[in-house]
Amino acid sequence: MTTWSGVAEAYRVSFATLCAGTIDRLLDDTAGPRHLDVGSGTGELARRAQARGRTVVAVDADPEMVALSSQQHAGTTVQAALPHLPLHCRFDAVTANFVINHTPDPRAAVRELARLVRPGGRVAITIWPSDPPAWASLVQEAFEAAGVVSPPSRRLEPGLDFERSVAGLTSLATSARLAPLGARELRWEWRTTVDDFWSGLAGGVATAGQVLAAQTADVRRAAERAFRDLTSALVGPDQVLALPSRAAYLLATPAPNSLTGPTRPTAGDRTGGGRRARRSPRR
């Protein structure tokens, strides 16, 4: 599993823009006034949901991410982690954008999402598929050129892990008594700069950033040189790096006769005992 402690600002300027590529799809496919966003990160999805007239409860495990999220929307932001959320109401829409990948028990995490959606409501989930994306291949090539030594893999145990694909995500949902409404691969172009991309890695974001942080200063500098050499031919006149990106996507609703959630119907202020952030004005 990846740790996100202490990397919120580095994530905001780098990989958050990658994850934002699926936000509009999740919002287009969900509806209703009460919206729960789990793994809210910088709060961009919550901000856009609020702009569509929804009342949002945002949840993230990391206190720095909670602080960022709370600046983006007027609803409640709660510090809590899947698979145990201190929420006691149901929502019209539940979104989980690239968070199931990072939970200690993905099946329990999806069951928790199912618990919190009302009958007839919708759950929209994205995950990273197992095939390496274009950006990861670039990083791997730079790391190899610099002599980066990767630590042992920290993947989940086989009994907890799942197939990182559309089919694997669908299986998680059906085991949580969610009925799939649509399951497919999403594709988009991640547009970033080399400087912003590297700032995320240098800031320790994601597995690649944590691997980089574990190297000596000389190896880190060599990796950056190699990465900049590799990407120099890929940037356009505007100095933007355009990278094809993919995600596995599932839209689902509670299966008929499934009783997965609490009975209290409103999502205004009944958010349980989790740590809440105050409402903050947007920057």
Protein backbone atom coordinates (compact mmCIF):
# COMPACT_ATOMS: atom_id res chain seq x y z
CA MET A 1 0.00 0.00 0.00
CA THR A 2 1.06 3.57 -0.66
CA THR A 3 1.36 6.07 2.18
CA TRP A 4 0.22 9.65 1.54
CA SER A 5 1.44 11.29 4.75
CA GLY A 6 3.26 14.57 4.18
CA VAL A 7 2.86 14.70 0.39
CA ALA A 8 -0.37 16.68 -0.05
CA GLU A 9 1.14 19.79 -1.63
CA ALA A 10 3.43 17.79 -3.94
CA TYR A 11 0.41 15.72 -4.96
CA ARG A 12 -1.71 18.82 -5.61
CA VAL A 13 0.65 20.19 -8.26
CA SER A 14 1.41 16.85 -9.89
CA PHE A 15 -0.61 13.65 -9.80
CA ALA A 16 -3.82 15.34 -8.66
CA THR A 17 -4.11 16.72 -12.19
CA LEU A 18 -3.81 13.16 -13.53
CA CYS A 19 -6.60 11.90 -11.25
CA ALA A 20 -8.79 14.85 -12.22
CA GLY A 21 -9.08 13.41 -15.71
CA THR A 22 -11.97 11.16 -14.68
CA ILE A 23 -13.90 13.58 -12.46
CA ASP A 24 -16.44 14.78 -15.01
CA ARG A 25 -17.30 11.19 -15.97
CA LEU A 26 -18.04 10.32 -12.34
CA LEU A 27 -20.19 13.41 -11.87
CA ASP A 28 -22.02 12.99 -15.18
CA ASP A 29 -22.98 9.43 -14.22
CA THR A 30 -24.23 10.27 -10.71
CA ALA A 31 -26.99 12.59 -9.56
CA GLY A 32 -28.91 13.78 -6.53
CA PRO A 33 -28.49 16.46 -3.87
CA ARG A 34 -26.47 14.41 -1.36
CA HIS A 35 -22.97 13.43 -2.48
CA LEU A 36 -20.25 11.50 -0.64
CA ASP A 37 -16.71 11.65 -2.04
CA VAL A 38 -14.36 9.13 -0.46
CA GLY A 39 -10.63 9.66 -0.87
CA SER A 40 -11.25 13.31 -1.67
CA GLY A 41 -7.57 14.28 -1.96
CA THR A 42 -7.27 17.94 -2.91
CA GLY A 43 -11.05 18.40 -2.99
CA GLU A 44 -11.34 19.01 -6.72
CA LEU A 45 -14.13 16.48 -7.21
CA ALA A 46 -16.00 17.91 -4.20
CA ARG A 47 -15.63 21.41 -5.62
CA ARG A 48 -17.05 20.39 -8.99
CA ALA A 49 -19.89 18.44 -7.35
CA GLN A 50 -20.83 21.49 -5.32
CA ALA A 51 -20.78 23.59 -8.49
CA ARG A 52 -23.47 21.23 -9.81
CA GLY A 53 -25.68 22.05 -6.84
CA ARG A 54 -24.87 19.08 -4.61
CA THR A 55 -24.26 19.10 -0.86
CA VAL A 56 -20.97 17.27 -0.40
CA VAL A 57 -19.41 15.28 2.41
CA ALA A 58 -15.75 14.66 1.59
CA VAL A 59 -13.63 12.03 3.34
CA ASP A 60 -9.88 11.48 3.31
CA ALA A 61 -7.52 9.58 5.59
CA ASP A 62 -4.70 12.13 5.51
CA PRO A 63 -5.02 15.32 7.59
CA GLU A 64 -3.20 17.44 5.01
CA MET A 65 -5.56 16.24 2.29
CA VAL A 66 -8.49 17.01 4.58
CA ALA A 67 -7.17 20.56 4.95
CA LEU A 68 -6.92 20.94 1.17
CA SER A 69 -10.38 19.48 0.59
CA SER A 70 -12.04 21.70 3.16
CA GLN A 71 -10.85 24.79 1.27
CA GLN A 72 -12.60 23.65 -1.91
CA HIS A 73 -16.24 23.19 -0.86
CA ALA A 74 -18.71 24.42 1.73
CA GLY A 75 -19.78 21.01 2.98
CA THR A 76 -18.29 18.79 5.67
CA THR A 77 -14.85 17.24 5.36
CA VAL A 78 -14.11 14.22 7.56
CA GLN A 79 -10.78 12.60 8.35
CA ALA A 80 -11.38 8.85 8.17
CA ALA A 81 -10.21 5.84 6.21
CA LEU A 82 -11.84 2.97 4.40
CA PRO A 83 -13.10 0.44 5.19
CA HIS A 84 -14.54 2.02 8.37
CA LEU A 85 -16.18 5.41 7.89
CA PRO A 86 -17.95 7.13 10.82
CA LEU A 87 -21.00 8.03 8.73
CA HIS A 88 -24.58 7.11 9.59
CA CYS A 89 -26.65 8.22 6.64
CA ARG A 90 -27.16 7.33 3.01
CA PHE A 91 -26.22 9.38 -0.02
CA ASP A 92 -27.65 9.75 -3.51
CA ALA A 93 -24.18 9.57 -5.04
CA VAL A 94 -20.98 7.99 -3.74
CA THR A 95 -17.70 8.50 -5.59
CA ALA A 96 -14.34 6.86 -4.97
CA ASN A 97 -11.80 8.17 -7.47
CA PHE A 98 -8.57 6.13 -7.32
CA VAL A 99 -8.84 5.24 -3.64
CA ILE A 100 -9.75 1.53 -3.63
CA ASN A 101 -6.22 0.80 -4.92
CA HIS A 102 -4.80 2.18 -1.68
CA THR A 103 -6.98 0.46 0.94
CA PRO A 104 -5.83 -2.43 3.14
CA ASP A 105 -8.94 -4.48 2.32
CA PRO A 106 -10.48 -3.54 -1.05
CA ARG A 107 -13.49 -5.86 -0.69
CA ALA A 108 -14.38 -4.40 2.69
CA ALA A 109 -13.83 -0.91 1.28
CA VAL A 110 -16.35 -1.45 -1.52
CA ARG A 111 -18.82 -2.97 0.96
CA GLU A 112 -18.54 0.26 2.95
CA LEU A 113 -19.34 2.32 -0.13
CA ALA A 114 -22.37 0.09 -0.74
CA ARG A 115 -23.51 0.64 2.85
CA LEU A 116 -23.59 4.38 2.35
CA VAL A 117 -25.55 4.68 -0.91
CA ARG A 118 -29.34 4.90 -0.81
CA PRO A 119 -31.54 2.43 -2.70
CA GLY A 120 -31.55 3.58 -6.30
CA GLY A 121 -28.47 5.74 -5.74
CA ARG A 122 -25.22 5.33 -7.63
CA VAL A 123 -21.67 4.42 -6.74
CA ALA A 124 -18.90 5.43 -9.17
CA ILE A 125 -15.43 3.95 -8.68
CA THR A 126 -12.13 4.22 -10.56
CA ILE A 127 -8.93 2.25 -10.05
CA TRP A 128 -5.58 2.09 -11.80
CA PRO A 129 -5.31 -1.05 -13.95
CA SER A 130 -2.34 -3.34 -13.51
CA ASP A 131 -0.81 -2.56 -16.92
CA PRO A 132 1.79 0.22 -16.44
CA PRO A 133 0.66 3.63 -17.74
CA ALA A 134 2.78 5.70 -20.11
CA TRP A 135 4.13 7.89 -17.33
CA ALA A 136 5.24 4.88 -15.27
CA SER A 137 7.19 3.48 -18.20
CA LEU A 138 9.08 6.78 -18.51
CA VAL A 139 9.86 6.80 -14.81
CA GLN A 140 10.99 3.18 -14.88
CA GLU A 141 13.35 3.88 -17.77
CA ALA A 142 14.83 6.88 -15.96
CA PHE A 143 15.19 4.89 -12.75
CA GLU A 144 16.99 2.08 -14.54
CA ALA A 145 19.38 4.53 -16.21
CA ALA A 146 20.18 6.08 -12.81
CA GLY A 147 20.67 2.77 -11.00
CA VAL A 148 17.68 3.17 -8.70
CA VAL A 149 17.29 0.17 -6.40
CA SER A 150 13.65 -0.72 -5.79
CA PRO A 151 12.63 -2.00 -2.35
CA PRO A 152 10.63 -5.24 -2.01
CA SER A 153 7.07 -5.04 -3.26
CA ARG A 154 4.45 -4.08 -0.70
CA ARG A 155 1.41 -5.44 -2.49
CA LEU A 156 -1.49 -6.84 -0.55
CA GLU A 157 -1.57 -10.47 0.46
CA PRO A 158 -3.22 -12.70 -2.18
CA GLY A 159 -6.28 -13.20 0.03
CA LEU A 160 -6.90 -9.45 0.15
CA ASP A 161 -5.75 -8.35 -3.30
CA PHE A 162 -7.88 -8.31 -6.43
CA GLU A 163 -7.41 -8.21 -10.18
CA ARG A 164 -6.66 -4.61 -11.14
CA SER A 165 -8.94 -4.47 -14.17
CA VAL A 166 -12.51 -3.70 -15.19
CA ALA A 167 -13.42 -7.33 -14.51
CA GLY A 168 -11.70 -7.29 -11.13
CA LEU A 169 -13.46 -4.10 -10.09
CA THR A 170 -16.80 -5.52 -11.22
CA SER A 171 -16.17 -8.60 -9.08
CA LEU A 172 -15.54 -6.40 -6.04
CA ALA A 173 -18.82 -4.60 -6.62
CA THR A 174 -20.95 -7.71 -7.06
CA SER A 175 -19.45 -9.25 -3.92
CA ALA A 176 -20.59 -6.09 -2.08
CA ARG A 177 -24.15 -6.57 -3.43
CA LEU A 178 -23.86 -3.75 -5.91
CA ALA A 179 -25.43 -4.22 -9.33
CA PRO A 180 -23.19 -2.90 -12.13
CA LEU A 181 -24.79 -0.35 -14.44
CA GLY A 182 -21.68 0.08 -16.56
CA ALA A 183 -18.09 -1.12 -16.46
CA ARG A 184 -15.43 -0.04 -18.89
CA GLU A 185 -12.03 1.50 -19.38
CA LEU A 186 -11.71 5.28 -19.39
CA ARG A 187 -9.06 6.97 -21.49
CA TRP A 188 -7.84 10.56 -21.41
CA GLU A 189 -4.72 12.63 -21.91
CA TRP A 190 -2.82 13.86 -18.87
CA ARG A 191 -1.37 17.25 -19.65
CA THR A 192 1.32 18.37 -17.24
CA THR A 193 4.77 19.93 -17.27
CA VAL A 194 8.04 18.13 -16.65
CA ASP A 195 8.66 20.34 -13.62
CA ASP A 196 5.26 19.60 -12.06
CA PHE A 197 5.58 15.89 -12.80
CA TRP A 198 9.00 15.67 -11.21
CA SER A 199 7.96 17.75 -8.20
CA GLY A 200 5.45 15.01 -7.38
CA LEU A 201 8.10 12.30 -7.50
CA ALA A 202 10.60 14.42 -5.60
CA GLY A 203 7.90 15.09 -3.00
CA GLY A 204 7.39 11.37 -2.38
CA VAL A 205 4.03 10.95 -4.15
CA ALA A 206 2.88 7.41 -4.95
CA THR A 207 5.04 4.30 -5.01
CA ALA A 208 7.50 5.79 -7.50
CA GLY A 209 8.03 8.84 -5.30
CA GLN A 210 8.63 6.68 -2.25
CA VAL A 211 11.13 4.56 -4.17
CA LEU A 212 12.94 7.73 -5.25
CA ALA A 213 13.00 9.07 -1.69
CA ALA A 214 14.78 5.91 -0.52
CA GLN A 215 17.77 6.51 -2.85
CA THR A 216 20.96 8.45 -2.18
CA ALA A 217 21.12 12.10 -3.21
CA ASP A 218 23.43 11.24 -6.14
CA VAL A 219 21.03 8.61 -7.46
CA ARG A 220 18.07 10.97 -7.11
CA ARG A 221 19.89 13.63 -9.13
CA ALA A 222 20.85 11.07 -11.78
CA ALA A 223 17.23 9.90 -12.01
CA GLU A 224 16.02 13.45 -12.54
CA ARG A 225 18.62 14.07 -15.28
CA ALA A 226 17.61 10.85 -17.03
CA PHE A 227 13.92 11.72 -16.78
CA ARG A 228 14.44 15.20 -18.21
CA ASP A 229 16.51 13.77 -21.05
CA LEU A 230 13.79 11.23 -21.87
CA THR A 231 10.99 13.77 -21.84
CA SER A 232 12.81 16.55 -23.69
CA ALA A 233 11.71 15.12 -27.03
CA LEU A 234 8.12 14.60 -25.86
CA VAL A 235 7.13 18.10 -24.78
CA GLY A 236 5.42 20.41 -27.24
CA PRO A 237 6.16 24.06 -28.00
CA ASP A 238 4.10 24.99 -24.94
CA GLN A 239 6.39 22.78 -22.79
CA VAL A 240 3.45 20.53 -21.93
CA LEU A 241 3.93 16.80 -21.56
CA ALA A 242 0.85 14.96 -22.90
CA LEU A 243 0.60 11.40 -21.61
CA PRO A 244 -2.11 8.87 -22.52
CA SER A 245 -3.85 7.59 -19.40
CA ARG A 246 -6.28 4.78 -18.57
CA ALA A 247 -8.49 3.77 -15.65
CA ALA A 248 -10.86 0.91 -14.88
CA TYR A 249 -14.29 2.38 -14.18
CA LEU A 250 -17.45 0.99 -12.60
CA LEU A 251 -20.88 2.55 -12.10
CA ALA A 252 -23.22 0.57 -9.84
CA THR A 253 -26.37 0.74 -7.74
CA PRO A 254 -27.50 -1.35 -4.74
CA ALA A 255 -28.76 -4.73 -5.87
CA PRO A 256 -32.48 -5.36 -5.35
CA ASN A 257 -33.37 -6.30 -1.76
CA SER A 258 -29.85 -5.54 -0.50
CA LEU A 259 -29.90 -3.98 2.94
CA THR A 260 -26.37 -2.68 3.20
CA GLY A 261 -26.77 0.74 4.77
CA PRO A 262 -28.12 2.64 7.75
CA THR A 263 -31.72 3.75 7.90
CA ARG A 264 -31.34 7.44 8.64
CA PRO A 265 -32.04 9.25 5.38
CA THR A 266 -30.33 12.62 5.57
CA ALA A 267 -26.71 13.49 4.94
CA GLY A 268 -26.58 17.02 6.25
CA ASP A 269 -24.94 16.96 9.64
CA ARG A 270 -25.13 13.32 10.70
CA THR A 271 -21.58 12.40 9.86
CA GLY A 272 -20.78 10.46 13.00
CA GLY A 273 -17.72 10.69 15.18
CA GLY A 274 -14.95 11.22 12.63
CA ARG A 275 -12.64 14.18 12.83
CA ARG A 276 -14.19 17.07 10.90
CA ALA A 277 -12.59 20.07 9.30
CA ARG A 278 -14.22 23.45 9.62
CA ARG A 279 -15.75 25.02 6.56
CA SER A 280 -13.17 27.20 4.90
CA PRO A 281 -13.36 29.80 2.16
CA ARG A 282 -11.85 28.85 -1.17
CA ARG A 283 -8.46 30.20 -1.99
